[in-house]
PDB file of N, CA and C in Angstrom:
ATOM      1  N   MET A   1     126.471 229.451 301.962  1.00  0.00           N
ATOM      2  CA  MET A   1     127.355 230.294 302.731  1.00  0.00           C
ATOM      3  C   MET A   1     128.782 230.020 302.277  1.00  0.00           C
ATOM      4  N   LYS A   2     129.534 231.063 302.106  1.00  0.00           N
ATOM      5  CA  LYS A   2     130.920 230.936 301.674  1.00  0.00           C
ATOM      6  C   LYS A   2     131.841 230.782 302.879  1.00  0.00           C
ATOM      7  N   ALA A   3     133.024 230.248 302.629  1.00  0.00           N
ATOM      8  CA  ALA A   3     133.983 230.024 303.708  1.00  0.00           C
ATOM      9  C   ALA A   3     134.320 231.323 304.439  1.00  0.00           C
ATOM     10  N   ILE A   4     134.496 232.408 303.733  1.00  0.00           N
ATOM     11  CA  ILE A   4     134.854 233.684 304.361  1.00  0.00           C
ATOM     12  C   ILE A   4     133.731 234.177 305.275  1.00  0.00           C
ATOM     13  N   GLU A   5     132.489 233.932 304.884  1.00  0.00           N
ATOM     14  CA  GLU A   5     131.347 234.309 305.720  1.00  0.00           C
ATOM     15  C   GLU A   5     131.278 233.422 306.970  1.00  0.00           C
ATOM     16  N   THR A   6     131.619 232.165 306.808  1.00  0.00           N
ATOM     17  CA  THR A   6     131.645 231.245 307.943  1.00  0.00           C
ATOM     18  C   THR A   6     132.707 231.675 308.941  1.00  0.00           C
ATOM     19  N   ILE A   7     133.865 232.040 308.444  1.00  0.00           N
ATOM     20  CA  ILE A   7     134.950 232.499 309.324  1.00  0.00           C
ATOM     21  C   ILE A   7     134.518 233.749 310.078  1.00  0.00           C
ATOM     22  N   ALA A   8     133.857 234.675 309.397  1.00  0.00           N
ATOM     23  CA  ALA A   8     133.383 235.898 310.054  1.00  0.00           C
ATOM     24  C   ALA A   8     132.360 235.571 311.143  1.00  0.00           C
ATOM     25  N   ALA A   9     131.443 234.650 310.862  1.00  0.00           N
ATOM     26  CA  ALA A   9     130.418 234.274 311.848  1.00  0.00           C
ATOM     27  C   ALA A   9     131.043 233.584 313.047  1.00  0.00           C
ATOM     28  N   LEU A  10     131.959 232.653 312.804  1.00  0.00           N
ATOM     29  CA  LEU A  10     132.608 231.958 313.912  1.00  0.00           C
ATOM     30  C   LEU A  10     133.482 232.908 314.720  1.00  0.00           C
ATOM     31  N   SER A  11     134.136 233.840 314.054  1.00  0.00           N
ATOM     32  CA  SER A  11     134.944 234.843 314.757  1.00  0.00           C
ATOM     33  C   SER A  11     134.067 235.708 315.645  1.00  0.00           C
ATOM     34  N   ALA A  12     132.891 236.058 315.134  1.00  0.00           N
ATOM     35  CA  ALA A  12     131.972 236.887 315.917  1.00  0.00           C
ATOM     36  C   ALA A  12     131.502 236.170 317.176  1.00  0.00           C
ATOM     37  N   LEU A  13     131.422 234.866 317.126  1.00  0.00           N
ATOM     38  CA  LEU A  13     130.959 234.084 318.274  1.00  0.00           C
ATOM     39  C   LEU A  13     132.101 233.635 319.189  1.00  0.00           C
ATOM     40  N   ALA A  14     133.329 233.998 318.845  1.00  0.00           N
ATOM     41  CA  ALA A  14     134.503 233.472 319.540  1.00  0.00           C
ATOM     42  C   ALA A  14     134.901 234.282 320.765  1.00  0.00           C
ATOM     43  N   SER A  15     133.941 234.836 321.458  1.00  0.00           N
ATOM     44  CA  SER A  15     134.207 235.464 322.751  1.00  0.00           C
ATOM     45  C   SER A  15     133.056 235.114 323.677  1.00  0.00           C
ATOM     46  N   GLU A  16     133.387 234.880 324.917  1.00  0.00           N
ATOM     47  CA  GLU A  16     132.361 234.432 325.871  1.00  0.00           C
ATOM     48  C   GLU A  16     131.211 235.424 326.010  1.00  0.00           C
ATOM     49  N   PRO A  17     131.490 236.739 326.165  1.00  0.00           N
ATOM     50  CA  PRO A  17     130.354 237.663 326.300  1.00  0.00           C
ATOM     51  C   PRO A  17     129.497 237.744 325.040  1.00  0.00           C
ATOM     52  N   ARG A  18     130.126 237.721 323.880  1.00  0.00           N
ATOM     53  CA  ARG A  18     129.368 237.812 322.632  1.00  0.00           C
ATOM     54  C   ARG A  18     128.541 236.554 322.422  1.00  0.00           C
ATOM     55  N   LEU A  19     129.095 235.430 322.761  1.00  0.00           N
ATOM     56  CA  LEU A  19     128.351 234.178 322.663  1.00  0.00           C
ATOM     57  C   LEU A  19     127.160 234.197 323.619  1.00  0.00           C
ATOM     58  N   ALA A  20     127.345 234.770 324.806  1.00  0.00           N
ATOM     59  CA  ALA A  20     126.240 234.873 325.768  1.00  0.00           C
ATOM     60  C   ALA A  20     125.123 235.760 325.217  1.00  0.00           C
ATOM     61  N   VAL A  21     125.477 236.869 324.584  1.00  0.00           N
ATOM     62  CA  VAL A  21     124.482 237.748 323.971  1.00  0.00           C
ATOM     63  C   VAL A  21     123.713 236.976 322.907  1.00  0.00           C
ATOM     64  N   TYR A  22     124.445 236.296 322.044  1.00  0.00           N
ATOM     65  CA  TYR A  22     123.805 235.576 320.947  1.00  0.00           C
ATOM     66  C   TYR A  22     122.882 234.467 321.458  1.00  0.00           C
ATOM     67  N   ARG A  23     123.356 233.711 322.423  1.00  0.00           N
ATOM     68  CA  ARG A  23     122.531 232.606 322.941  1.00  0.00           C
ATOM     69  C   ARG A  23     121.269 233.119 323.613  1.00  0.00           C
ATOM     70  N   LEU A  24     121.373 234.250 324.316  1.00  0.00           N
ATOM     71  CA  LEU A  24     120.184 234.826 324.945  1.00  0.00           C
ATOM     72  C   LEU A  24     119.186 235.271 323.871  1.00  0.00           C
ATOM     73  N   LEU A  25     119.689 235.870 322.802  1.00  0.00           N
ATOM     74  CA  LEU A  25     118.799 236.283 321.720  1.00  0.00           C
ATOM     75  C   LEU A  25     118.141 235.081 321.052  1.00  0.00           C
ATOM     76  N   VAL A  26     118.885 234.004 320.877  1.00  0.00           N
ATOM     77  CA  VAL A  26     118.316 232.793 320.274  1.00  0.00           C
ATOM     78  C   VAL A  26     117.216 232.240 321.184  1.00  0.00           C
ATOM     79  N   LYS A  27     117.439 232.258 322.485  1.00  0.00           N
ATOM     80  CA  LYS A  27     116.409 231.781 323.420  1.00  0.00           C
ATOM     81  C   LYS A  27     115.144 232.623 323.321  1.00  0.00           C
ATOM     82  N   ARG A  28     115.316 233.916 323.151  1.00  0.00           N
ATOM     83  CA  ARG A  28     114.180 234.833 323.099  1.00  0.00           C
ATOM     84  C   ARG A  28     113.389 234.702 321.802  1.00  0.00           C
ATOM     85  N   GLY A  29     114.088 234.380 320.725  1.00  0.00           N
ATOM     86  CA  GLY A  29     113.397 234.202 319.454  1.00  0.00           C
ATOM     87  C   GLY A  29     113.225 235.503 318.700  1.00  0.00           C
ATOM     88  N   PRO A  30     112.274 235.528 317.775  1.00  0.00           N
ATOM     89  CA  PRO A  30     112.126 236.678 316.878  1.00  0.00           C
ATOM     90  C   PRO A  30     111.706 237.971 317.564  1.00  0.00           C
ATOM     91  N   ASP A  31     111.137 237.893 318.765  1.00  0.00           N
ATOM     92  CA  ASP A  31     110.761 239.117 319.473  1.00  0.00           C
ATOM     93  C   ASP A  31     111.989 239.936 319.843  1.00  0.00           C
ATOM     94  N   GLY A  32     113.061 239.245 320.196  1.00  0.00           N
ATOM     95  CA  GLY A  32     114.301 239.926 320.540  1.00  0.00           C
ATOM     96  C   GLY A  32     114.211 240.728 321.823  1.00  0.00           C
ATOM     97  N   TYR A  33     115.252 241.508 322.048  1.00  0.00           N
ATOM     98  CA  TYR A  33     115.357 242.366 323.230  1.00  0.00           C
ATOM     99  C   TYR A  33     115.853 243.744 322.814  1.00  0.00           C
ATOM    100  N   THR A  34     115.502 244.720 323.608  1.00  0.00           N
ATOM    101  CA  THR A  34     116.095 246.042 323.449  1.00  0.00           C
ATOM    102  C   THR A  34     117.485 245.998 324.079  1.00  0.00           C
ATOM    103  N   PRO A  35     118.353 246.931 323.719  1.00  0.00           N
ATOM    104  CA  PRO A  35     119.678 246.950 324.345  1.00  0.00           C
ATOM    105  C   PRO A  35     119.617 247.063 325.870  1.00  0.00           C
ATOM    106  N   SER A  36     118.687 247.846 326.383  1.00  0.00           N
ATOM    107  CA  SER A  36     118.595 247.980 327.846  1.00  0.00           C
ATOM    108  C   SER A  36     118.170 246.662 328.497  1.00  0.00           C
ATOM    109  N   GLU A  37     117.279 245.921 327.851  1.00  0.00           N
ATOM    110  CA  GLU A  37     116.879 244.613 328.383  1.00  0.00           C
ATOM    111  C   GLU A  37     118.059 243.641 328.354  1.00  0.00           C
ATOM    112  N   LEU A  38     118.808 243.652 327.257  1.00  0.00           N
ATOM    113  CA  LEU A  38     119.981 242.778 327.163  1.00  0.00           C
ATOM    114  C   LEU A  38     121.007 243.132 328.229  1.00  0.00           C
ATOM    115  N   ALA A  39     121.295 244.411 328.370  1.00  0.00           N
ATOM    116  CA  ALA A  39     122.289 244.856 329.354  1.00  0.00           C
ATOM    117  C   ALA A  39     121.884 244.432 330.758  1.00  0.00           C
ATOM    118  N   GLU A  40     120.615 244.570 331.063  1.00  0.00           N
ATOM    119  CA  GLU A  40     120.115 244.199 332.396  1.00  0.00           C
ATOM    120  C   GLU A  40     120.209 242.685 332.618  1.00  0.00           C
ATOM    121  N   ARG A  41     119.782 241.918 331.656  1.00  0.00           N
ATOM    122  CA  ARG A  41     119.779 240.456 331.801  1.00  0.00           C
ATOM    123  C   ARG A  41     121.187 239.879 331.870  1.00  0.00           C
ATOM    124  N   LEU A  42     122.118 240.491 331.143  1.00  0.00           N
ATOM    125  CA  LEU A  42     123.475 239.954 331.086  1.00  0.00           C
ATOM    126  C   LEU A  42     124.431 240.640 332.056  1.00  0.00           C
ATOM    127  N   GLY A  43     124.004 241.737 332.647  1.00  0.00           N
ATOM    128  CA  GLY A  43     124.878 242.469 333.553  1.00  0.00           C
ATOM    129  C   GLY A  43     126.088 243.057 332.834  1.00  0.00           C
ATOM    130  N   VAL A  44     125.857 243.560 331.629  1.00  0.00           N
ATOM    131  CA  VAL A  44     126.925 244.095 330.787  1.00  0.00           C
ATOM    132  C   VAL A  44     126.704 245.597 330.636  1.00  0.00           C
ATOM    133  N   PRO A  45     127.748 246.410 330.764  1.00  0.00           N
ATOM    134  CA  PRO A  45     127.585 247.850 330.530  1.00  0.00           C
ATOM    135  C   PRO A  45     127.150 248.127 329.092  1.00  0.00           C
ATOM    136  N   ALA A  46     126.368 249.177 328.904  1.00  0.00           N
ATOM    137  CA  ALA A  46     125.830 249.514 327.580  1.00  0.00           C
ATOM    138  C   ALA A  46     126.905 249.658 326.502  1.00  0.00           C
ATOM    139  N   PRO A  47     128.023 250.342 326.762  1.00  0.00           N
ATOM    140  CA  PRO A  47     129.037 250.453 325.696  1.00  0.00           C
ATOM    141  C   PRO A  47     129.625 249.094 325.298  1.00  0.00           C
ATOM    142  N   THR A  48     129.815 248.216 326.263  1.00  0.00           N
ATOM    143  CA  THR A  48     130.336 246.878 325.977  1.00  0.00           C
ATOM    144  C   THR A  48     129.329 246.084 325.156  1.00  0.00           C
ATOM    145  N   LEU A  49     128.069 246.175 325.549  1.00  0.00           N
ATOM    146  CA  LEU A  49     127.004 245.482 324.814  1.00  0.00           C
ATOM    147  C   LEU A  49     126.937 245.993 323.384  1.00  0.00           C
ATOM    148  N   SER A  50     127.023 247.276 323.201  1.00  0.00           N
ATOM    149  CA  SER A  50     126.986 247.869 321.870  1.00  0.00           C
ATOM    150  C   SER A  50     128.109 247.316 320.997  1.00  0.00           C
ATOM    151  N   PHE A  51     129.290 247.185 321.569  1.00  0.00           N
ATOM    152  CA  PHE A  51     130.440 246.623 320.851  1.00  0.00           C
ATOM    153  C   PHE A  51     130.147 245.202 320.396  1.00  0.00           C
ATOM    154  N   HIS A  52     129.592 244.389 321.289  1.00  0.00           N
ATOM    155  CA  HIS A  52     129.302 242.998 320.954  1.00  0.00           C
ATOM    156  C   HIS A  52     128.177 242.888 319.926  1.00  0.00           C
ATOM    157  N   LEU A  53     127.147 243.691 320.068  1.00  0.00           N
ATOM    158  CA  LEU A  53     126.053 243.674 319.093  1.00  0.00           C
ATOM    159  C   LEU A  53     126.550 244.083 317.707  1.00  0.00           C
ATOM    160  N   LYS A  54     127.444 245.055 317.662  1.00  0.00           N
ATOM    161  CA  LYS A  54     127.999 245.490 316.375  1.00  0.00           C
ATOM    162  C   LYS A  54     128.727 244.328 315.683  1.00  0.00           C
ATOM    163  N   GLY A  55     129.514 243.572 316.445  1.00  0.00           N
ATOM    164  CA  GLY A  55     130.216 242.426 315.872  1.00  0.00           C
ATOM    165  C   GLY A  55     129.269 241.359 315.361  1.00  0.00           C
ATOM    166  N   LEU A  56     128.208 241.102 316.096  1.00  0.00           N
ATOM    167  CA  LEU A  56     127.221 240.111 315.671  1.00  0.00           C
ATOM    168  C   LEU A  56     126.435 240.593 314.461  1.00  0.00           C
ATOM    169  N   MET A  57     126.173 241.894 314.403  1.00  0.00           N
ATOM    170  CA  MET A  57     125.468 242.464 313.246  1.00  0.00           C
ATOM    171  C   MET A  57     126.346 242.391 311.999  1.00  0.00           C
ATOM    172  N   GLN A  58     127.633 242.689 312.134  1.00  0.00           N
ATOM    173  CA  GLN A  58     128.533 242.639 310.984  1.00  0.00           C
ATOM    174  C   GLN A  58     128.628 241.223 310.410  1.00  0.00           C
ATOM    175  N   ALA A  59     128.538 240.231 311.271  1.00  0.00           N
ATOM    176  CA  ALA A  59     128.566 238.838 310.820  1.00  0.00           C
ATOM    177  C   ALA A  59     127.188 238.364 310.353  1.00  0.00           C
ATOM    178  N   GLU A  60     126.205 239.251 310.416  1.00  0.00           N
ATOM    179  CA  GLU A  60     124.827 238.978 310.009  1.00  0.00           C
ATOM    180  C   GLU A  60     124.159 237.882 310.833  1.00  0.00           C
ATOM    181  N   LEU A  61     124.637 237.687 312.057  1.00  0.00           N
ATOM    182  CA  LEU A  61     124.015 236.717 312.955  1.00  0.00           C
ATOM    183  C   LEU A  61     122.863 237.331 313.733  1.00  0.00           C
ATOM    184  N   VAL A  62     122.851 238.654 313.806  1.00  0.00           N
ATOM    185  CA  VAL A  62     121.826 239.393 314.542  1.00  0.00           C
ATOM    186  C   VAL A  62     121.278 240.478 313.625  1.00  0.00           C
ATOM    187  N   GLN A  63     120.001 240.743 313.783  1.00  0.00           N
ATOM    188  CA  GLN A  63     119.364 241.817 313.026  1.00  0.00           C
ATOM    189  C   GLN A  63     118.662 242.756 314.001  1.00  0.00           C
ATOM    190  N   SER A  64     118.408 243.961 313.561  1.00  0.00           N
ATOM    191  CA  SER A  64     117.709 244.915 314.419  1.00  0.00           C
ATOM    192  C   SER A  64     116.501 245.470 313.683  1.00  0.00           C
ATOM    193  N   ARG A  65     115.546 245.893 314.461  1.00  0.00           N
ATOM    194  CA  ARG A  65     114.373 246.555 313.905  1.00  0.00           C
ATOM    195  C   ARG A  65     113.963 247.659 314.873  1.00  0.00           C
ATOM    196  N   ARG A  66     113.413 248.698 314.329  1.00  0.00           N
ATOM    197  CA  ARG A  66     112.981 249.825 315.145  1.00  0.00           C
ATOM    198  C   ARG A  66     111.487 249.712 315.408  1.00  0.00           C
ATOM    199  N   GLU A  67     111.121 249.866 316.655  1.00  0.00           N
ATOM    200  CA  GLU A  67     109.716 249.942 317.056  1.00  0.00           C
ATOM    201  C   GLU A  67     109.560 251.217 317.867  1.00  0.00           C
ATOM    202  N   GLY A  68     109.006 252.235 317.233  1.00  0.00           N
ATOM    203  CA  GLY A  68     108.909 253.534 317.885  1.00  0.00           C
ATOM    204  C   GLY A  68     110.302 254.093 318.113  1.00  0.00           C
ATOM    205  N   ARG A  69     110.614 254.368 319.359  1.00  0.00           N
ATOM    206  CA  ARG A  69     111.937 254.906 319.692  1.00  0.00           C
ATOM    207  C   ARG A  69     112.924 253.826 320.092  1.00  0.00           C
ATOM    208  N   ASN A  70     112.495 252.588 320.116  1.00  0.00           N
ATOM    209  CA  ASN A  70     113.345 251.497 320.585  1.00  0.00           C
ATOM    210  C   ASN A  70     113.857 250.629 319.448  1.00  0.00           C
ATOM    211  N   LEU A  71     115.077 250.178 319.603  1.00  0.00           N
ATOM    212  CA  LEU A  71     115.635 249.154 318.727  1.00  0.00           C
ATOM    213  C   LEU A  71     115.449 247.811 319.401  1.00  0.00           C
ATOM    214  N   HIS A  72     115.128 246.802 318.628  1.00  0.00           N
ATOM    215  CA  HIS A  72     115.035 245.432 319.123  1.00  0.00           C
ATOM    216  C   HIS A  72     116.019 244.593 318.323  1.00  0.00           C
ATOM    217  N   TYR A  73     116.825 243.833 319.030  1.00  0.00           N
ATOM    218  CA  TYR A  73     117.790 242.939 318.395  1.00  0.00           C
ATOM    219  C   TYR A  73     117.278 241.514 318.509  1.00  0.00           C
ATOM    220  N   SER A  74     117.388 240.775 317.415  1.00  0.00           N
ATOM    221  CA  SER A  74     116.951 239.381 317.404  1.00  0.00           C
ATOM    222  C   SER A  74     117.911 238.579 316.531  1.00  0.00           C
ATOM    223  N   PRO A  75     117.921 237.267 316.716  1.00  0.00           N
ATOM    224  CA  PRO A  75     118.822 236.440 315.902  1.00  0.00           C
ATOM    225  C   PRO A  75     118.350 236.360 314.459  1.00  0.00           C
ATOM    226  N   ASN A  76     119.299 236.242 313.579  1.00  0.00           N
ATOM    227  CA  ASN A  76     119.005 235.999 312.171  1.00  0.00           C
ATOM    228  C   ASN A  76     119.036 234.479 312.001  1.00  0.00           C
ATOM    229  N   PHE A  77     117.883 233.847 312.144  1.00  0.00           N
ATOM    230  CA  PHE A  77     117.814 232.388 312.127  1.00  0.00           C
ATOM    231  C   PHE A  77     118.258 231.801 310.785  1.00  0.00           C
ATOM    232  N   GLU A  78     117.976 232.502 309.715  1.00  0.00           N
ATOM    233  CA  GLU A  78     118.406 232.007 308.407  1.00  0.00           C
ATOM    234  C   GLU A  78     119.934 231.895 308.370  1.00  0.00           C
ATOM    235  N   ARG A  79     120.610 232.920 308.852  1.00  0.00           N
ATOM    236  CA  ARG A  79     122.073 232.907 308.863  1.00  0.00           C
ATOM    237  C   ARG A  79     122.600 231.833 309.815  1.00  0.00           C
ATOM    238  N   MET A  80     121.957 231.682 310.965  1.00  0.00           N
ATOM    239  CA  MET A  80     122.365 230.661 311.923  1.00  0.00           C
ATOM    240  C   MET A  80     122.276 229.273 311.281  1.00  0.00           C
ATOM    241  N   ASN A  81     121.191 229.012 310.585  1.00  0.00           N
ATOM    242  CA  ASN A  81     121.011 227.711 309.942  1.00  0.00           C
ATOM    243  C   ASN A  81     121.978 227.517 308.780  1.00  0.00           C
ATOM    244  N   GLU A  82     122.304 228.596 308.075  1.00  0.00           N
ATOM    245  CA  GLU A  82     123.318 228.500 307.017  1.00  0.00           C
ATOM    246  C   GLU A  82     124.668 228.106 307.609  1.00  0.00           C
ATOM    247  N   LEU A  83     125.008 228.679 308.754  1.00  0.00           N
ATOM    248  CA  LEU A  83     126.277 228.371 309.416  1.00  0.00           C
ATOM    249  C   LEU A  83     126.328 226.904 309.816  1.00  0.00           C
ATOM    250  N   VAL A  84     125.287 226.436 310.470  1.00  0.00           N
ATOM    251  CA  VAL A  84     125.242 225.032 310.879  1.00  0.00           C
ATOM    252  C   VAL A  84     125.282 224.123 309.641  1.00  0.00           C
ATOM    253  N   GLY A  85     124.551 224.502 308.618  1.00  0.00           N
ATOM    254  CA  GLY A  85     124.546 223.713 307.386  1.00  0.00           C
ATOM    255  C   GLY A  85     125.918 223.649 306.735  1.00  0.00           C
ATOM    256  N   PHE A  86     126.623 224.772 306.713  1.00  0.00           N
ATOM    257  CA  PHE A  86     127.961 224.797 306.132  1.00  0.00           C
ATOM    258  C   PHE A  86     128.898 223.873 306.896  1.00  0.00           C
ATOM    259  N   LEU A  87     128.779 223.879 308.214  1.00  0.00           N
ATOM    260  CA  LEU A  87     129.660 223.065 309.047  1.00  0.00           C
ATOM    261  C   LEU A  87     129.374 221.573 308.921  1.00  0.00           C
ATOM    262  N   THR A  88     128.170 221.216 308.539  1.00  0.00           N
ATOM    263  CA  THR A  88     127.791 219.799 308.520  1.00  0.00           C
ATOM    264  C   THR A  88     127.491 219.241 307.132  1.00  0.00           C
ATOM    265  N   GLU A  89     127.530 220.066 306.102  1.00  0.00           N
ATOM    266  CA  GLU A  89     127.080 219.611 304.785  1.00  0.00           C
ATOM    267  C   GLU A  89     127.910 218.472 304.198  1.00  0.00           C
ATOM    268  N   ASN A  90     129.150 218.369 304.544  1.00  0.00           N
ATOM    269  CA  ASN A  90     129.984 217.317 303.967  1.00  0.00           C
ATOM    270  C   ASN A  90     130.316 216.217 304.971  1.00  0.00           C
ATOM    271  N   CYS A  91     129.526 216.096 305.981  1.00  0.00           N
ATOM    272  CA  CYS A  91     129.777 215.111 307.024  1.00  0.00           C
ATOM    273  C   CYS A  91     129.846 213.709 306.409  1.00  0.00           C
ATOM    274  N   CYS A  92     130.923 213.024 306.657  1.00  0.00           N
ATOM    275  CA  CYS A  92     131.168 211.657 306.199  1.00  0.00           C
ATOM    276  C   CYS A  92     131.265 211.527 304.681  1.00  0.00           C
ATOM    277  N   SER A  93     131.438 212.614 303.955  1.00  0.00           N
ATOM    278  CA  SER A  93     131.456 212.524 302.493  1.00  0.00           C
ATOM    279  C   SER A  93     132.668 211.765 301.962  1.00  0.00           C
ATOM    280  N   LEU A  94     133.713 211.653 302.744  1.00  0.00           N
ATOM    281  CA  LEU A  94     134.898 210.908 302.310  1.00  0.00           C
ATOM    282  C   LEU A  94     135.093 209.612 303.097  1.00  0.00           C
ATOM    283  N   ALA A  95     134.081 209.241 303.860  1.00  0.00           N
ATOM    284  CA  ALA A  95     134.177 208.028 304.678  1.00  0.00           C
ATOM    285  C   ALA A  95     134.098 206.785 303.801  1.00  0.00           C
ATOM    286  N   ASP A  96     134.843 205.765 304.207  1.00  0.00           N
ATOM    287  CA  ASP A  96     134.800 204.493 303.478  1.00  0.00           C
ATOM    288  C   ASP A  96     133.524 203.718 303.775  1.00  0.00           C
ATOM    289  N   ALA A  97     133.025 203.867 304.985  1.00  0.00           N
ATOM    290  CA  ALA A  97     131.814 203.153 305.396  1.00  0.00           C
ATOM    291  C   ALA A  97     130.649 204.140 305.456  1.00  0.00           C
ATOM    292  N   GLY A  98     129.474 203.610 305.745  1.00  0.00           N
ATOM    293  CA  GLY A  98     128.289 204.450 305.861  1.00  0.00           C
ATOM    294  C   GLY A  98     128.431 205.464 306.982  1.00  0.00           C
ATOM    295  N   CYS A  99     127.731 206.523 306.856  1.00  0.00           N
ATOM    296  CA  CYS A  99     127.778 207.599 307.834  1.00  0.00           C
ATOM    297  C   CYS A  99     126.994 207.204 309.090  1.00  0.00           C
ATOM    298  N   GLU A 100     127.583 207.470 310.229  1.00  0.00           N
ATOM    299  CA  GLU A 100     126.902 207.181 311.488  1.00  0.00           C
ATOM    300  C   GLU A 100     125.828 208.227 311.751  1.00  0.00           C
ATOM    301  N   PRO A 101     124.813 207.855 312.504  1.00  0.00           N
ATOM    302  CA  PRO A 101     123.775 208.835 312.837  1.00  0.00           C
ATOM    303  C   PRO A 101     124.336 210.053 313.581  1.00  0.00           C
ATOM    304  N   SER A 102     125.453 209.875 314.295  1.00  0.00           N
ATOM    305  CA  SER A 102     126.017 210.996 315.042  1.00  0.00           C
ATOM    306  C   SER A 102     126.563 212.083 314.128  1.00  0.00           C
ATOM    307  N   CYS A 103     126.743 211.787 312.866  1.00  0.00           N
ATOM    308  CA  CYS A 103     127.232 212.775 311.906  1.00  0.00           C
ATOM    309  C   CYS A 103     126.116 213.722 311.480  1.00  0.00           C
ATOM    310  N   GLN A 104     124.883 213.315 311.608  1.00  0.00           N
ATOM    311  CA  GLN A 104     123.769 214.155 311.200  1.00  0.00           C
ATOM    312  C   GLN A 104     123.514 215.225 312.255  1.00  0.00           C
ATOM    313  N   PRO A 105     123.277 216.481 311.833  1.00  0.00           N
ATOM    314  CA  PRO A 105     122.999 217.528 312.818  1.00  0.00           C
ATOM    315  C   PRO A 105     121.735 217.205 313.598  1.00  0.00           C
ATOM    316  N   GLN A 106     121.778 217.464 314.877  1.00  0.00           N
ATOM    317  CA  GLN A 106     120.635 217.199 315.737  1.00  0.00           C
ATOM    318  C   GLN A 106     120.326 218.440 316.553  1.00  0.00           C
ATOM    319  N   ALA A 107     119.083 218.612 316.867  1.00  0.00           N
ATOM    320  CA  ALA A 107     118.678 219.726 317.711  1.00  0.00           C
ATOM    321  C   ALA A 107     119.151 219.475 319.132  1.00  0.00           C
ATOM    322  N   ALA A 108     119.448 220.546 319.818  1.00  0.00           N
ATOM    323  CA  ALA A 108     119.830 220.428 321.223  1.00  0.00           C
ATOM    324  C   ALA A 108     118.627 219.917 322.005  1.00  0.00           C
ATOM    325  N   PRO A 109     118.871 219.141 323.060  1.00  0.00           N
ATOM    326  CA  PRO A 109     117.738 218.648 323.846  1.00  0.00           C
ATOM    327  C   PRO A 109     116.961 219.810 324.443  1.00  0.00           C
ATOM    328  N   ALA A 110     115.662 219.658 324.459  1.00  0.00           N
ATOM    329  CA  ALA A 110     114.814 220.708 325.015  1.00  0.00           C
ATOM    330  C   ALA A 110     115.028 220.814 326.514  1.00  0.00           C
ATOM    331  N   ALA A 111     115.097 222.039 326.976  1.00  0.00           N
ATOM    332  CA  ALA A 111     115.258 222.277 328.405  1.00  0.00           C
ATOM    333  C   ALA A 111     113.959 221.938 329.119  1.00  0.00           C
ATOM    334  N   THR A 112     114.084 221.397 330.290  1.00  0.00           N
ATOM    335  CA  THR A 112     112.906 221.096 331.095  1.00  0.00           C
ATOM    336  C   THR A 112     112.350 222.388 331.645  1.00  0.00           C
ATOM    337  N   PRO A 113     111.068 222.655 331.412  1.00  0.00           N
ATOM    338  CA  PRO A 113     110.504 223.914 331.913  1.00  0.00           C
ATOM    339  C   PRO A 113     110.576 223.972 333.430  1.00  0.00           C
ATOM    340  N   ARG A 114     110.897 225.157 333.915  1.00  0.00           N
ATOM    341  CA  ARG A 114     110.965 225.358 335.365  1.00  0.00           C
ATOM    342  C   ARG A 114     109.564 225.536 335.905  1.00  0.00           C
ATOM    343  N   ARG A 115     109.347 224.989 337.059  1.00  0.00           N
ATOM    344  CA  ARG A 115     108.039 225.150 337.700  1.00  0.00           C
ATOM    345  C   ARG A 115     107.992 226.485 338.397  1.00  0.00           C
ATOM    346  N   LYS A 116     106.860 227.127 338.279  1.00  0.00           N
ATOM    347  CA  LYS A 116     106.662 228.406 338.966  1.00  0.00           C
ATOM    348  C   LYS A 116     106.312 228.125 340.410  1.00  0.00           C
ATOM    349  N   ARG A 117     106.887 228.938 341.268  1.00  0.00           N
ATOM    350  CA  ARG A 117     106.586 228.784 342.688  1.00  0.00           C
ATOM    351  C   ARG A 117     105.256 229.438 343.008  1.00  0.00           C
ATOM    352  N   ALA A 118     104.525 228.795 343.859  1.00  0.00           N
ATOM    353  CA  ALA A 118     103.194 229.324 344.223  1.00  0.00           C
ATOM    354  C   ALA A 118     103.298 230.405 345.251  1.00  0.00           C
TER     355      ALA A 118
END
């Protein structure tokens, strides 16, 4: 990933509503959501959601696919991993001492599954 692409991706994520859209899509995984599902879950008007999805698509963080008459938006995991890799690839490369384990990228802790009410 080039620096200019990294700047575009970080810029695309630099708003609270857009970050919320992206994080929800990442949680959902490759199945993604339709725009109406996203709008309902996030409580965002359709035109606003469209604006945010366009920004995420331009940064190649989100992809869309057509299924019948519906569009489904999902995260571009390859691009997400390229972004994280770019941000961490030179961690401690100029350090005088050995690199601490905290410099290595780590997965976020898994959320505890919620119990279903009977």
